[in-house]
Amino acid sequence: MRVQPRASRSGVAGELDGALKVRLASPPVDGEANDELVRVLAKLFDVSRAQIEIISGQTSKNKLVWVKGISAVLCEMALREALE
């Protein structure tokens, strides 16, 4: 996943080099962008924020995220809808 902090608005922006691109309105200060990413992904996958975990890339634009409690099929369907 590739994030773009300080965007005009938050949301899924498409695909970039095989990774999901997510724009975040929050700045990358004091974890605000990471918190915003968790909120955006929780809404996208219709899960609680507690089910989203940033595995790696806490201070990077490239992140690895784990969505707990959702099947790969449902995840793919949500992403396909978001990218259309």
PDB file of N, CA and C in Angstrom:
ATOM      1  N   MET A   1       0.845  -1.158   0.000  1.00  0.00           N
ATOM      2  CA  MET A   1       0.000   0.000   0.000  1.00  0.00           C
ATOM      3  C   MET A   1       0.898   1.231   0.000  1.00  0.00           C
ATOM      4  N   ARG A   2       0.492   2.211  -0.750  1.00  0.00           N
ATOM      5  CA  ARG A   2       1.238   3.470  -0.833  1.00  0.00           C
ATOM      6  C   ARG A   2       0.291   4.584  -0.381  1.00  0.00           C
ATOM      7  N   VAL A   3       0.726   5.390   0.583  1.00  0.00           N
ATOM      8  CA  VAL A   3      -0.124   6.476   1.080  1.00  0.00           C
ATOM      9  C   VAL A   3       0.436   7.830   0.664  1.00  0.00           C
ATOM     10  N   GLN A   4      -0.473   8.776   0.508  1.00  0.00           N
ATOM     11  CA  GLN A   4      -0.119  10.145   0.168  1.00  0.00           C
ATOM     12  C   GLN A   4      -0.733  11.057   1.222  1.00  0.00           C
ATOM     13  N   PRO A   5       0.050  11.461   2.224  1.00  0.00           N
ATOM     14  CA  PRO A   5      -0.481  12.361   3.248  1.00  0.00           C
ATOM     15  C   PRO A   5      -0.658  13.780   2.710  1.00  0.00           C
ATOM     16  N   ARG A   6      -1.420  14.567   3.451  1.00  0.00           N
ATOM     17  CA  ARG A   6      -1.715  15.968   3.120  1.00  0.00           C
ATOM     18  C   ARG A   6      -2.408  16.131   1.777  1.00  0.00           C
ATOM     19  N   ALA A   7      -3.253  15.174   1.424  1.00  0.00           N
ATOM     20  CA  ALA A   7      -4.051  15.276   0.201  1.00  0.00           C
ATOM     21  C   ALA A   7      -5.254  16.174   0.482  1.00  0.00           C
ATOM     22  N   SER A   8      -5.939  16.589  -0.564  1.00  0.00           N
ATOM     23  CA  SER A   8      -7.099  17.455  -0.383  1.00  0.00           C
ATOM     24  C   SER A   8      -8.244  16.722   0.307  1.00  0.00           C
ATOM     25  N   ARG A   9      -8.335  15.404   0.082  1.00  0.00           N
ATOM     26  CA  ARG A   9      -9.342  14.597   0.765  1.00  0.00           C
ATOM     27  C   ARG A   9      -8.844  13.162   0.873  1.00  0.00           C
ATOM     28  N   SER A  10      -9.424  12.421   1.786  1.00  0.00           N
ATOM     29  CA  SER A  10      -9.006  11.043   2.027  1.00  0.00           C
ATOM     30  C   SER A  10      -9.823  10.072   1.192  1.00  0.00           C
ATOM     31  N   GLY A  11      -9.163   9.002   0.726  1.00  0.00           N
ATOM     32  CA  GLY A  11      -9.862   7.952   0.003  1.00  0.00           C
ATOM     33  C   GLY A  11      -8.911   7.148  -0.853  1.00  0.00           C
ATOM     34  N   VAL A  12      -9.435   6.081  -1.425  1.00  0.00           N
ATOM     35  CA  VAL A  12      -8.659   5.225  -2.305  1.00  0.00           C
ATOM     36  C   VAL A  12      -8.485   5.949  -3.634  1.00  0.00           C
ATOM     37  N   ALA A  13      -7.238   6.011  -4.103  1.00  0.00           N
ATOM     38  CA  ALA A  13      -6.940   6.773  -5.312  1.00  0.00           C
ATOM     39  C   ALA A  13      -6.618   5.897  -6.506  1.00  0.00           C
ATOM     40  N   GLY A  14      -6.529   4.602  -6.307  1.00  0.00           N
ATOM     41  CA  GLY A  14      -6.230   3.713  -7.422  1.00  0.00           C
ATOM     42  C   GLY A  14      -5.078   2.798  -7.112  1.00  0.00           C
ATOM     43  N   GLU A  15      -4.348   2.454  -8.170  1.00  0.00           N
ATOM     44  CA  GLU A  15      -3.231   1.523  -8.047  1.00  0.00           C
ATOM     45  C   GLU A  15      -1.966   2.229  -8.518  1.00  0.00           C
ATOM     46  N   LEU A  16      -0.856   1.975  -7.846  1.00  0.00           N
ATOM     47  CA  LEU A  16       0.424   2.558  -8.217  1.00  0.00           C
ATOM     48  C   LEU A  16       1.487   1.477  -8.105  1.00  0.00           C
ATOM     49  N   ASP A  17       2.058   1.075  -9.233  1.00  0.00           N
ATOM     50  CA  ASP A  17       3.103   0.052  -9.273  1.00  0.00           C
ATOM     51  C   ASP A  17       2.679  -1.228  -8.550  1.00  0.00           C
ATOM     52  N   GLY A  18       1.443  -1.657  -8.747  1.00  0.00           N
ATOM     53  CA  GLY A  18       0.954  -2.893  -8.155  1.00  0.00           C
ATOM     54  C   GLY A  18       0.504  -2.774  -6.711  1.00  0.00           C
ATOM     55  N   ALA A  19       0.506  -1.577  -6.159  1.00  0.00           N
ATOM     56  CA  ALA A  19       0.080  -1.356  -4.772  1.00  0.00           C
ATOM     57  C   ALA A  19      -1.137  -0.440  -4.752  1.00  0.00           C
ATOM     58  N   LEU A  20      -1.977  -0.622  -3.751  1.00  0.00           N
ATOM     59  CA  LEU A  20      -3.133   0.243  -3.568  1.00  0.00           C
ATOM     60  C   LEU A  20      -2.651   1.620  -3.130  1.00  0.00           C
ATOM     61  N   LYS A  21      -3.131   2.678  -3.786  1.00  0.00           N
ATOM     62  CA  LYS A  21      -2.757   4.041  -3.407  1.00  0.00           C
ATOM     63  C   LYS A  21      -3.914   4.659  -2.639  1.00  0.00           C
ATOM     64  N   VAL A  22      -3.603   5.193  -1.454  1.00  0.00           N
ATOM     65  CA  VAL A  22      -4.612   5.815  -0.603  1.00  0.00           C
ATOM     66  C   VAL A  22      -4.168   7.236  -0.286  1.00  0.00           C
ATOM     67  N   ARG A  23      -5.043   8.188  -0.566  1.00  0.00           N
ATOM     68  CA  ARG A  23      -4.769   9.592  -0.221  1.00  0.00           C
ATOM     69  C   ARG A  23      -5.323   9.864   1.167  1.00  0.00           C
ATOM     70  N   LEU A  24      -4.551  10.615   1.956  1.00  0.00           N
ATOM     71  CA  LEU A  24      -4.944  10.936   3.323  1.00  0.00           C
ATOM     72  C   LEU A  24      -4.881  12.440   3.530  1.00  0.00           C
ATOM     73  N   ALA A  25      -5.931  13.014   4.071  1.00  0.00           N
ATOM     74  CA  ALA A  25      -5.965  14.452   4.321  1.00  0.00           C
ATOM     75  C   ALA A  25      -5.072  14.837   5.495  1.00  0.00           C
ATOM     76  N   SER A  26      -4.818  13.925   6.388  1.00  0.00           N
ATOM     77  CA  SER A  26      -4.019  14.206   7.590  1.00  0.00           C
ATOM     78  C   SER A  26      -2.543  14.325   7.256  1.00  0.00           C
ATOM     79  N   PRO A  27      -1.813  15.140   8.021  1.00  0.00           N
ATOM     80  CA  PRO A  27      -0.361  15.236   7.828  1.00  0.00           C
ATOM     81  C   PRO A  27       0.344  14.058   8.510  1.00  0.00           C
ATOM     82  N   PRO A  28       1.558  13.752   8.071  1.00  0.00           N
ATOM     83  CA  PRO A  28       2.302  12.645   8.679  1.00  0.00           C
ATOM     84  C   PRO A  28       2.995  13.071   9.971  1.00  0.00           C
ATOM     85  N   VAL A  29       2.226  13.577  10.905  1.00  0.00           N
ATOM     86  CA  VAL A  29       2.764  14.090  12.168  1.00  0.00           C
ATOM     87  C   VAL A  29       2.080  13.375  13.328  1.00  0.00           C
ATOM     88  N   ASP A  30       2.852  12.888  14.275  1.00  0.00           N
ATOM     89  CA  ASP A  30       2.326  12.238  15.491  1.00  0.00           C
ATOM     90  C   ASP A  30       1.347  11.110  15.189  1.00  0.00           C
ATOM     91  N   GLY A  31       1.551  10.393  14.091  1.00  0.00           N
ATOM     92  CA  GLY A  31       0.695   9.258  13.768  1.00  0.00           C
ATOM     93  C   GLY A  31      -0.666   9.618  13.208  1.00  0.00           C
ATOM     94  N   GLU A  32      -0.894  10.896  12.902  1.00  0.00           N
ATOM     95  CA  GLU A  32      -2.211  11.310  12.399  1.00  0.00           C
ATOM     96  C   GLU A  32      -2.553  10.640  11.071  1.00  0.00           C
ATOM     97  N   ALA A  33      -1.580  10.542  10.173  1.00  0.00           N
ATOM     98  CA  ALA A  33      -1.839   9.916   8.875  1.00  0.00           C
ATOM     99  C   ALA A  33      -2.135   8.428   9.050  1.00  0.00           C
ATOM    100  N   ASN A  34      -1.436   7.764   9.946  1.00  0.00           N
ATOM    101  CA  ASN A  34      -1.703   6.340  10.202  1.00  0.00           C
ATOM    102  C   ASN A  34      -3.105   6.146  10.770  1.00  0.00           C
ATOM    103  N   ASP A  35      -3.511   7.015  11.676  1.00  0.00           N
ATOM    104  CA  ASP A  35      -4.867   6.940  12.234  1.00  0.00           C
ATOM    105  C   ASP A  35      -5.912   7.145  11.142  1.00  0.00           C
ATOM    106  N   GLU A  36      -5.656   8.094  10.257  1.00  0.00           N
ATOM    107  CA  GLU A  36      -6.577   8.363   9.148  1.00  0.00           C
ATOM    108  C   GLU A  36      -6.629   7.161   8.205  1.00  0.00           C
ATOM    109  N   LEU A  37      -5.485   6.537   7.949  1.00  0.00           N
ATOM    110  CA  LEU A  37      -5.455   5.345   7.102  1.00  0.00           C
ATOM    111  C   LEU A  37      -6.310   4.236   7.701  1.00  0.00           C
ATOM    112  N   VAL A  38      -6.198   4.013   8.985  1.00  0.00           N
ATOM    113  CA  VAL A  38      -6.996   2.986   9.655  1.00  0.00           C
ATOM    114  C   VAL A  38      -8.482   3.308   9.510  1.00  0.00           C
ATOM    115  N   ARG A  39      -8.869   4.570   9.683  1.00  0.00           N
ATOM    116  CA  ARG A  39     -10.274   4.961   9.527  1.00  0.00           C
ATOM    117  C   ARG A  39     -10.766   4.715   8.102  1.00  0.00           C
ATOM    118  N   VAL A  40      -9.959   5.102   7.111  1.00  0.00           N
ATOM    119  CA  VAL A  40     -10.352   4.937   5.707  1.00  0.00           C
ATOM    120  C   VAL A  40     -10.517   3.457   5.369  1.00  0.00           C
ATOM    121  N   LEU A  41      -9.567   2.641   5.794  1.00  0.00           N
ATOM    122  CA  LEU A  41      -9.636   1.208   5.491  1.00  0.00           C
ATOM    123  C   LEU A  41     -10.778   0.522   6.235  1.00  0.00           C
ATOM    124  N   ALA A  42     -11.033   0.925   7.469  1.00  0.00           N
ATOM    125  CA  ALA A  42     -12.146   0.344   8.221  1.00  0.00           C
ATOM    126  C   ALA A  42     -13.474   0.633   7.514  1.00  0.00           C
ATOM    127  N   LYS A  43     -13.606   1.835   6.993  1.00  0.00           N
ATOM    128  CA  LYS A  43     -14.827   2.191   6.264  1.00  0.00           C
ATOM    129  C   LYS A  43     -14.901   1.414   4.948  1.00  0.00           C
ATOM    130  N   LEU A  44     -13.789   1.312   4.245  1.00  0.00           N
ATOM    131  CA  LEU A  44     -13.744   0.613   2.968  1.00  0.00           C
ATOM    132  C   LEU A  44     -14.151  -0.848   3.114  1.00  0.00           C
ATOM    133  N   PHE A  45     -13.616  -1.524   4.120  1.00  0.00           N
ATOM    134  CA  PHE A  45     -13.877  -2.948   4.313  1.00  0.00           C
ATOM    135  C   PHE A  45     -15.037  -3.228   5.255  1.00  0.00           C
ATOM    136  N   ASP A  46     -15.675  -2.173   5.766  1.00  0.00           N
ATOM    137  CA  ASP A  46     -16.824  -2.290   6.665  1.00  0.00           C
ATOM    138  C   ASP A  46     -16.497  -3.162   7.880  1.00  0.00           C
ATOM    139  N   VAL A  47     -15.377  -2.813   8.534  1.00  0.00           N
ATOM    140  CA  VAL A  47     -14.935  -3.489   9.754  1.00  0.00           C
ATOM    141  C   VAL A  47     -14.628  -2.423  10.799  1.00  0.00           C
ATOM    142  N   SER A  48     -14.415  -2.844  12.031  1.00  0.00           N
ATOM    143  CA  SER A  48     -14.047  -1.886  13.072  1.00  0.00           C
ATOM    144  C   SER A  48     -12.584  -1.479  12.909  1.00  0.00           C
ATOM    145  N   ARG A  49     -12.234  -0.344  13.446  1.00  0.00           N
ATOM    146  CA  ARG A  49     -10.843   0.125  13.366  1.00  0.00           C
ATOM    147  C   ARG A  49      -9.899  -0.833  14.070  1.00  0.00           C
ATOM    148  N   ALA A  50     -10.385  -1.550  15.066  1.00  0.00           N
ATOM    149  CA  ALA A  50      -9.550  -2.507  15.791  1.00  0.00           C
ATOM    150  C   ALA A  50      -9.127  -3.676  14.903  1.00  0.00           C
ATOM    151  N   GLN A  51      -9.833  -3.897  13.807  1.00  0.00           N
ATOM    152  CA  GLN A  51      -9.514  -5.001  12.906  1.00  0.00           C
ATOM    153  C   GLN A  51      -8.466  -4.632  11.854  1.00  0.00           C
ATOM    154  N   ILE A  52      -8.021  -3.385  11.845  1.00  0.00           N
ATOM    155  CA  ILE A  52      -7.004  -2.927  10.902  1.00  0.00           C
ATOM    156  C   ILE A  52      -5.696  -2.752  11.663  1.00  0.00           C
ATOM    157  N   GLU A  53      -4.647  -3.373  11.157  1.00  0.00           N
ATOM    158  CA  GLU A  53      -3.341  -3.267  11.807  1.00  0.00           C
ATOM    159  C   GLU A  53      -2.275  -2.943  10.764  1.00  0.00           C
ATOM    160  N   ILE A  54      -1.487  -1.908  11.035  1.00  0.00           N
ATOM    161  CA  ILE A  54      -0.362  -1.577  10.166  1.00  0.00           C
ATOM    162  C   ILE A  54       0.807  -2.452  10.613  1.00  0.00           C
ATOM    163  N   ILE A  55       1.174  -3.413   9.780  1.00  0.00           N
ATOM    164  CA  ILE A  55       2.214  -4.388  10.108  1.00  0.00           C
ATOM    165  C   ILE A  55       3.608  -3.778   9.972  1.00  0.00           C
ATOM    166  N   SER A  56       3.840  -3.053   8.890  1.00  0.00           N
ATOM    167  CA  SER A  56       5.136  -2.408   8.698  1.00  0.00           C
ATOM    168  C   SER A  56       4.948  -1.096   7.952  1.00  0.00           C
ATOM    169  N   GLY A  57       5.921  -0.211   8.088  1.00  0.00           N
ATOM    170  CA  GLY A  57       5.871   1.076   7.408  1.00  0.00           C
ATOM    171  C   GLY A  57       5.244   2.181   8.234  1.00  0.00           C
ATOM    172  N   GLN A  58       5.337   2.083   9.551  1.00  0.00           N
ATOM    173  CA  GLN A  58       4.729   3.103  10.423  1.00  0.00           C
ATOM    174  C   GLN A  58       5.169   4.520  10.041  1.00  0.00           C
ATOM    175  N   THR A  59       6.420   4.696   9.627  1.00  0.00           N
ATOM    176  CA  THR A  59       6.935   6.032   9.307  1.00  0.00           C
ATOM    177  C   THR A  59       7.254   6.183   7.824  1.00  0.00           C
ATOM    178  N   SER A  60       6.719   5.289   7.009  1.00  0.00           N
ATOM    179  CA  SER A  60       6.995   5.293   5.575  1.00  0.00           C
ATOM    180  C   SER A  60       5.712   5.513   4.791  1.00  0.00           C
ATOM    181  N   LYS A  61       5.867   5.923   3.536  1.00  0.00           N
ATOM    182  CA  LYS A  61       4.698   6.028   2.665  1.00  0.00           C
ATOM    183  C   LYS A  61       4.251   4.654   2.177  1.00  0.00           C
ATOM    184  N   ASN A  62       5.154   3.690   2.200  1.00  0.00           N
ATOM    185  CA  ASN A  62       4.838   2.309   1.824  1.00  0.00           C
ATOM    186  C   ASN A  62       4.495   1.531   3.084  1.00  0.00           C
ATOM    187  N   LYS A  63       3.326   0.930   3.105  1.00  0.00           N
ATOM    188  CA  LYS A  63       2.851   0.248   4.307  1.00  0.00           C
ATOM    189  C   LYS A  63       2.321  -1.139   3.964  1.00  0.00           C
ATOM    190  N   LEU A  64       2.437  -2.022   4.927  1.00  0.00           N
ATOM    191  CA  LEU A  64       1.850  -3.344   4.851  1.00  0.00           C
ATOM    192  C   LEU A  64       0.759  -3.392   5.914  1.00  0.00           C
ATOM    193  N   VAL A  65      -0.466  -3.689   5.487  1.00  0.00           N
ATOM    194  CA  VAL A  65      -1.616  -3.620   6.384  1.00  0.00           C
ATOM    195  C   VAL A  65      -2.301  -4.979   6.451  1.00  0.00           C
ATOM    196  N   TRP A  66      -2.773  -5.315   7.642  1.00  0.00           N
ATOM    197  CA  TRP A  66      -3.506  -6.568   7.863  1.00  0.00           C
ATOM    198  C   TRP A  66      -4.936  -6.208   8.255  1.00  0.00           C
ATOM    199  N   VAL A  67      -5.897  -6.783   7.550  1.00  0.00           N
ATOM    200  CA  VAL A  67      -7.307  -6.592   7.868  1.00  0.00           C
ATOM    201  C   VAL A  67      -7.790  -7.912   8.473  1.00  0.00           C
ATOM    202  N   LYS A  68      -8.099  -7.886   9.749  1.00  0.00           N
ATOM    203  CA  LYS A  68      -8.516  -9.102  10.462  1.00  0.00           C
ATOM    204  C   LYS A  68     -10.012  -9.343  10.265  1.00  0.00           C
ATOM    205  N   GLY A  69     -10.369 -10.614  10.189  1.00  0.00           N
ATOM    206  CA  GLY A  69     -11.782 -10.979  10.185  1.00  0.00           C
ATOM    207  C   GLY A  69     -12.514 -10.757   8.881  1.00  0.00           C
ATOM    208  N   ILE A  70     -11.792 -10.693   7.777  1.00  0.00           N
ATOM    209  CA  ILE A  70     -12.439 -10.530   6.477  1.00  0.00           C
ATOM    210  C   ILE A  70     -11.765 -11.496   5.503  1.00  0.00           C
ATOM    211  N   SER A  71     -12.553 -12.146   4.690  1.00  0.00           N
ATOM    212  CA  SER A  71     -11.985 -13.103   3.747  1.00  0.00           C
ATOM    213  C   SER A  71     -11.315 -12.379   2.584  1.00  0.00           C
ATOM    214  N   ALA A  72     -10.464 -13.089   1.904  1.00  0.00           N
ATOM    215  CA  ALA A  72      -9.774 -12.523   0.748  1.00  0.00           C
ATOM    216  C   ALA A  72     -10.777 -12.154  -0.340  1.00  0.00           C
ATOM    217  N   VAL A  73     -11.831 -12.939  -0.469  1.00  0.00           N
ATOM    218  CA  VAL A  73     -12.861 -12.676  -1.484  1.00  0.00           C
ATOM    219  C   VAL A  73     -13.574 -11.360  -1.181  1.00  0.00           C
ATOM    220  N   LEU A  74     -13.987 -11.167   0.072  1.00  0.00           N
ATOM    221  CA  LEU A  74     -14.671  -9.917   0.445  1.00  0.00           C
ATOM    222  C   LEU A  74     -13.730  -8.723   0.320  1.00  0.00           C
ATOM    223  N   CYS A  75     -12.478  -8.923   0.657  1.00  0.00           N
ATOM    224  CA  CYS A  75     -11.480  -7.867   0.534  1.00  0.00           C
ATOM    225  C   CYS A  75     -11.330  -7.451  -0.933  1.00  0.00           C
ATOM    226  N   GLU A  76     -11.212  -8.440  -1.801  1.00  0.00           N
ATOM    227  CA  GLU A  76     -11.073  -8.173  -3.235  1.00  0.00           C
ATOM    228  C   GLU A  76     -12.305  -7.461  -3.785  1.00  0.00           C
ATOM    229  N   MET A  77     -13.495  -7.867  -3.345  1.00  0.00           N
ATOM    230  CA  MET A  77     -14.729  -7.229  -3.814  1.00  0.00           C
ATOM    231  C   MET A  77     -14.779  -5.762  -3.387  1.00  0.00           C
ATOM    232  N   ALA A  78     -14.406  -5.477  -2.135  1.00  0.00           N
ATOM    233  CA  ALA A  78     -14.408  -4.098  -1.639  1.00  0.00           C
ATOM    234  C   ALA A  78     -13.411  -3.250  -2.411  1.00  0.00           C
ATOM    235  N   LEU A  79     -12.238  -3.799  -2.691  1.00  0.00           N
ATOM    236  CA  LEU A  79     -11.235  -3.063  -3.444  1.00  0.00           C
ATOM    237  C   LEU A  79     -11.690  -2.819  -4.879  1.00  0.00           C
ATOM    238  N   ARG A  80     -12.286  -3.822  -5.485  1.00  0.00           N
ATOM    239  CA  ARG A  80     -12.770  -3.668  -6.859  1.00  0.00           C
ATOM    240  C   ARG A  80     -13.815  -2.553  -6.929  1.00  0.00           C
ATOM    241  N   GLU A  81     -14.738  -2.517  -5.977  1.00  0.00           N
ATOM    242  CA  GLU A  81     -15.761  -1.462  -5.942  1.00  0.00           C
ATOM    243  C   GLU A  81     -15.131  -0.091  -5.760  1.00  0.00           C
ATOM    244  N   ALA A  82     -14.140  -0.010  -4.888  1.00  0.00           N
ATOM    245  CA  ALA A  82     -13.486   1.275  -4.610  1.00  0.00           C
ATOM    246  C   ALA A  82     -12.720   1.796  -5.818  1.00  0.00           C
ATOM    247  N   LEU A  83     -12.171   0.899  -6.613  1.00  0.00           N
ATOM    248  CA  LEU A  83     -11.361   1.299  -7.755  1.00  0.00           C
ATOM    249  C   LEU A  83     -12.188   1.601  -9.007  1.00  0.00           C
ATOM    250  N   GLU A  84     -13.460   1.245  -8.996  1.00  0.00           N
ATOM    251  CA  GLU A  84     -14.314   1.515 -10.169  1.00  0.00           C
ATOM    252  C   GLU A  84     -14.774   2.934 -10.225  1.00  0.00           C
TER     253      GLU A  84
END
